[in-house]
N, C-alpha and C. Protein backbone atom coordinates (compact mmCIF):
# COMPACT_ATOMS: atom_id res chain seq x y z
N UNK A 1 11.44 2.55 0.79
CA UNK A 1 10.35 1.54 1.00
C UNK A 1 9.86 1.01 -0.43
N UNK A 2 9.65 1.91 -1.32
CA UNK A 2 9.09 1.49 -2.62
C UNK A 2 10.10 0.55 -3.35
N UNK A 3 11.40 0.88 -3.36
CA UNK A 3 12.36 0.02 -3.92
C UNK A 3 12.36 -1.37 -3.28
N UNK A 4 12.38 -1.44 -2.03
CA UNK A 4 12.38 -2.70 -1.35
C UNK A 4 11.11 -3.51 -1.71
N UNK A 5 10.00 -2.89 -1.74
CA UNK A 5 8.79 -3.60 -2.04
C UNK A 5 8.71 -4.11 -3.43
N UNK A 6 9.29 -3.31 -4.44
CA UNK A 6 9.23 -3.66 -5.86
C UNK A 6 10.38 -4.54 -6.33
N UNK A 7 11.62 -4.26 -5.82
CA UNK A 7 12.78 -4.94 -6.37
C UNK A 7 13.61 -5.70 -5.36
N UNK A 8 13.13 -5.71 -4.07
CA UNK A 8 13.91 -6.28 -3.01
C UNK A 8 13.76 -7.79 -2.85
N UNK A 9 12.89 -8.40 -3.68
CA UNK A 9 12.66 -9.80 -3.52
C UNK A 9 11.95 -10.15 -2.29
N UNK A 10 12.12 -11.34 -1.90
CA UNK A 10 11.44 -11.90 -0.60
C UNK A 10 11.94 -11.04 0.58
N UNK A 11 13.19 -10.77 0.69
CA UNK A 11 13.82 -10.10 1.83
C UNK A 11 13.24 -8.62 1.88
N UNK A 12 13.20 -8.03 0.69
CA UNK A 12 12.64 -6.67 0.63
C UNK A 12 11.19 -6.54 1.06
N UNK A 13 10.38 -7.52 0.57
CA UNK A 13 8.99 -7.56 0.99
C UNK A 13 8.82 -7.80 2.47
N UNK A 14 9.68 -8.73 3.05
CA UNK A 14 9.65 -8.93 4.47
C UNK A 14 9.97 -7.72 5.23
N UNK A 15 11.02 -6.93 4.84
CA UNK A 15 11.41 -5.75 5.49
C UNK A 15 10.24 -4.73 5.50
N UNK A 16 9.61 -4.50 4.38
CA UNK A 16 8.52 -3.58 4.26
C UNK A 16 7.40 -4.04 5.11
N UNK A 17 7.12 -5.33 5.14
CA UNK A 17 5.99 -5.87 5.96
C UNK A 17 6.30 -5.63 7.39
N UNK A 18 7.55 -5.83 7.84
CA UNK A 18 7.97 -5.62 9.23
C UNK A 18 7.86 -4.16 9.57
N UNK A 19 8.33 -3.28 8.72
CA UNK A 19 8.16 -1.85 9.02
C UNK A 19 6.73 -1.40 9.12
N UNK A 20 5.87 -1.95 8.31
CA UNK A 20 4.48 -1.60 8.27
C UNK A 20 3.78 -2.05 9.62
N UNK A 21 4.30 -3.10 10.19
CA UNK A 21 3.61 -3.70 11.38
C UNK A 21 4.37 -3.07 12.71
N UNK A 22 5.67 -2.81 12.69
CA UNK A 22 6.24 -2.56 13.93
C UNK A 22 7.14 -1.32 14.06
N UNK A 23 7.34 -0.63 13.08
CA UNK A 23 8.25 0.52 13.09
C UNK A 23 7.65 1.60 14.09
N UNK A 24 8.57 2.15 14.92
CA UNK A 24 8.02 3.15 15.94
C UNK A 24 7.40 4.44 15.31
N UNK A 25 7.87 4.78 14.16
CA UNK A 25 7.31 6.01 13.55
C UNK A 25 6.04 5.68 12.75
N UNK A 26 4.95 6.39 13.05
CA UNK A 26 3.72 6.22 12.28
C UNK A 26 3.84 6.57 10.85
N UNK A 27 4.63 7.53 10.58
CA UNK A 27 4.86 7.92 9.10
C UNK A 27 5.60 6.87 8.30
N UNK A 28 6.61 6.26 8.94
CA UNK A 28 7.31 5.20 8.31
C UNK A 28 6.38 3.93 8.16
N UNK A 29 5.63 3.71 9.15
CA UNK A 29 4.64 2.64 8.97
C UNK A 29 3.76 2.83 7.80
N UNK A 30 3.21 4.03 7.67
CA UNK A 30 2.28 4.28 6.58
C UNK A 30 3.07 4.28 5.29
N UNK A 31 4.26 4.74 5.21
CA UNK A 31 5.11 4.72 3.96
C UNK A 31 5.29 3.20 3.53
N UNK A 32 5.50 2.36 4.56
CA UNK A 32 5.59 0.90 4.24
C UNK A 32 4.30 0.34 3.70
N UNK A 33 3.17 0.74 4.19
CA UNK A 33 1.91 0.27 3.73
C UNK A 33 1.68 0.83 2.33
N UNK A 34 2.03 2.07 2.15
CA UNK A 34 1.87 2.58 0.77
C UNK A 34 2.75 1.81 -0.20
N UNK A 35 3.97 1.50 0.14
CA UNK A 35 4.84 0.74 -0.71
C UNK A 35 4.30 -0.73 -1.07
N UNK A 36 3.74 -1.30 0.01
CA UNK A 36 3.06 -2.55 -0.24
C UNK A 36 1.92 -2.44 -1.26
N UNK A 37 1.11 -1.44 -1.05
CA UNK A 37 0.04 -1.19 -2.03
C UNK A 37 0.52 -0.92 -3.45
N UNK A 38 1.58 -0.11 -3.52
CA UNK A 38 2.11 0.18 -4.86
C UNK A 38 2.59 -1.02 -5.50
N UNK A 39 3.15 -1.97 -4.75
CA UNK A 39 3.64 -3.18 -5.41
C UNK A 39 2.62 -4.16 -5.84
N UNK A 40 1.37 -3.91 -5.42
CA UNK A 40 0.31 -4.87 -5.73
C UNK A 40 0.10 -4.83 -7.20
N UNK A 41 -0.34 -6.07 -7.82
CA UNK A 41 -0.40 -6.11 -9.29
C UNK A 41 -1.69 -5.57 -9.80
N UNK A 42 -2.69 -5.22 -8.92
CA UNK A 42 -3.91 -4.81 -9.49
C UNK A 42 -4.61 -3.82 -8.52
N UNK A 43 -5.63 -3.19 -8.97
CA UNK A 43 -6.40 -2.26 -8.14
C UNK A 43 -6.96 -2.93 -6.89
N UNK A 44 -7.58 -4.17 -7.09
CA UNK A 44 -8.11 -4.87 -5.97
C UNK A 44 -6.99 -5.24 -4.96
N UNK A 45 -5.81 -5.51 -5.40
CA UNK A 45 -4.70 -5.84 -4.50
C UNK A 45 -4.34 -4.65 -3.70
N UNK A 46 -4.29 -3.49 -4.35
CA UNK A 46 -3.98 -2.21 -3.63
C UNK A 46 -5.02 -1.94 -2.54
N UNK A 47 -6.23 -2.04 -2.96
CA UNK A 47 -7.36 -1.87 -1.95
C UNK A 47 -7.26 -2.78 -0.82
N UNK A 48 -6.95 -4.03 -1.14
CA UNK A 48 -6.77 -5.08 -0.07
C UNK A 48 -5.74 -4.64 0.97
N UNK A 49 -4.63 -4.14 0.47
CA UNK A 49 -3.56 -3.65 1.41
C UNK A 49 -4.06 -2.51 2.25
N UNK A 50 -4.69 -1.55 1.66
CA UNK A 50 -5.20 -0.45 2.50
C UNK A 50 -6.28 -0.85 3.48
N UNK A 51 -7.20 -1.69 2.91
CA UNK A 51 -8.28 -2.13 3.80
C UNK A 51 -7.77 -2.88 5.04
N UNK A 52 -6.75 -3.70 4.85
CA UNK A 52 -6.16 -4.44 5.94
C UNK A 52 -5.51 -3.48 6.94
N UNK A 53 -4.95 -2.40 6.41
CA UNK A 53 -4.24 -1.40 7.23
C UNK A 53 -5.32 -0.62 8.06
N UNK A 54 -6.48 -0.45 7.51
CA UNK A 54 -7.58 0.30 8.23
C UNK A 54 -8.04 -0.47 9.45
N UNK A 55 -7.78 -1.79 9.56
CA UNK A 55 -8.16 -2.59 10.66
C UNK A 55 -7.06 -2.70 11.69
N UNK A 56 -5.99 -2.03 11.49
CA UNK A 56 -4.88 -2.14 12.34
C UNK A 56 -5.09 -1.23 13.67
N UNK A 57 -4.23 -1.35 14.56
CA UNK A 57 -4.38 -0.61 15.85
C UNK A 57 -3.80 0.76 15.83
N UNK A 58 -2.96 1.13 14.80
CA UNK A 58 -2.40 2.39 14.87
C UNK A 58 -3.46 3.40 14.20
N UNK A 59 -3.83 4.38 14.95
CA UNK A 59 -4.83 5.36 14.42
C UNK A 59 -4.42 6.14 13.26
N UNK A 60 -3.23 6.59 13.24
CA UNK A 60 -2.67 7.41 12.04
C UNK A 60 -2.62 6.56 10.77
N UNK A 61 -2.05 5.38 10.88
CA UNK A 61 -1.95 4.46 9.69
C UNK A 61 -3.36 4.05 9.23
N UNK A 62 -4.26 3.77 10.18
CA UNK A 62 -5.61 3.38 9.82
C UNK A 62 -6.34 4.55 9.09
N UNK A 63 -6.17 5.71 9.60
CA UNK A 63 -6.85 6.83 9.05
C UNK A 63 -6.33 7.23 7.63
N UNK A 64 -5.00 7.17 7.52
CA UNK A 64 -4.43 7.44 6.18
C UNK A 64 -4.75 6.30 5.19
N UNK A 65 -4.75 5.05 5.62
CA UNK A 65 -5.04 3.94 4.69
C UNK A 65 -6.54 4.10 4.24
N UNK A 66 -7.44 4.46 5.11
CA UNK A 66 -8.84 4.73 4.76
C UNK A 66 -8.95 5.79 3.67
N UNK A 67 -8.18 6.83 3.89
CA UNK A 67 -8.19 7.94 2.92
C UNK A 67 -7.63 7.54 1.53
N UNK A 68 -6.57 6.75 1.55
CA UNK A 68 -6.05 6.26 0.27
C UNK A 68 -7.00 5.31 -0.40
N UNK A 69 -7.65 4.41 0.38
CA UNK A 69 -8.63 3.47 -0.19
C UNK A 69 -9.79 4.29 -0.82
N UNK A 70 -10.24 5.25 -0.19
CA UNK A 70 -11.26 6.13 -0.78
C UNK A 70 -10.84 6.83 -1.98
N UNK A 71 -9.63 7.27 -2.13
CA UNK A 71 -9.15 7.84 -3.36
C UNK A 71 -9.13 6.92 -4.46
N UNK A 72 -8.70 5.69 -4.16
CA UNK A 72 -8.64 4.61 -5.24
C UNK A 72 -10.04 4.25 -5.68
N UNK A 73 -10.99 4.13 -4.79
CA UNK A 73 -12.33 3.83 -5.12
C UNK A 73 -13.00 4.98 -5.96
N UNK A 74 -12.72 6.19 -5.59
CA UNK A 74 -13.21 7.32 -6.28
C UNK A 74 -12.74 7.38 -7.73
N UNK A 75 -11.55 6.97 -8.02
CA UNK A 75 -11.00 7.02 -9.32
C UNK A 75 -10.89 5.65 -9.97
N UNK A 76 -11.50 4.64 -9.44
CA UNK A 76 -11.41 3.27 -9.96
C UNK A 76 -11.79 3.13 -11.42
N UNK A 77 -12.85 3.75 -11.84
CA UNK A 77 -13.21 3.63 -13.21
C UNK A 77 -12.22 4.19 -14.19
N UNK A 78 -11.60 5.27 -13.79
CA UNK A 78 -10.54 5.87 -14.58
C UNK A 78 -9.34 5.02 -14.63
N UNK A 79 -8.96 4.47 -13.49
CA UNK A 79 -7.73 3.60 -13.42
C UNK A 79 -7.94 2.36 -14.31
N UNK A 80 -9.10 1.75 -14.18
CA UNK A 80 -9.33 0.50 -14.94
C UNK A 80 -9.58 0.66 -16.40
N UNK A 81 -10.02 1.93 -16.85
CA UNK A 81 -10.15 2.18 -18.24
C UNK A 81 -8.97 2.66 -18.97
N UNK A 82 -7.87 3.02 -18.22
CA UNK A 82 -6.73 3.51 -18.82
C UNK A 82 -6.05 2.44 -19.70
N UNK A 83 -5.49 2.78 -20.85
CA UNK A 83 -4.95 1.79 -21.76
C UNK A 83 -3.65 1.34 -21.13
N UNK A 84 -3.39 0.05 -21.26
CA UNK A 84 -2.13 -0.51 -20.78
C UNK A 84 -1.14 -0.57 -21.96
N UNK A 85 0.01 0.09 -21.76
CA UNK A 85 1.12 0.10 -22.76
C UNK A 85 2.20 -0.79 -22.29
N UNK A 86 2.70 -1.62 -23.10
CA UNK A 86 3.89 -2.62 -22.68
C UNK A 86 5.06 -1.74 -22.35
N UNK A 87 5.71 -2.18 -21.34
CA UNK A 87 6.92 -1.47 -20.90
C UNK A 87 8.20 -1.87 -21.78
C-alpha cells in the first residue's frame, strides 16, 4: 500500500483509494487509509485523511482512524518542531 501511495503515480493513488473505500477486508481498508495519510505532505493533510475515514461507515476503520488522528494530535508540537533535513 505504502509504495503505491508514494511512488505509484496516479494509478497507485487510485488503487489505494479504491482499497480504502471498497476492499472486503477491514484491515486492508485501514492499511490503505494509513498509506494515504503517510503520503500526505503535511501534518494537516494526514489528519484530514484520518478524519475523513472516521466519518466512514466501516466501524473498524473509523475507530482505528480516530485513534491515529488522536496520536498525531497528541504529538503534533513535537512533529512540527522537528528539524527538517534535506534528503
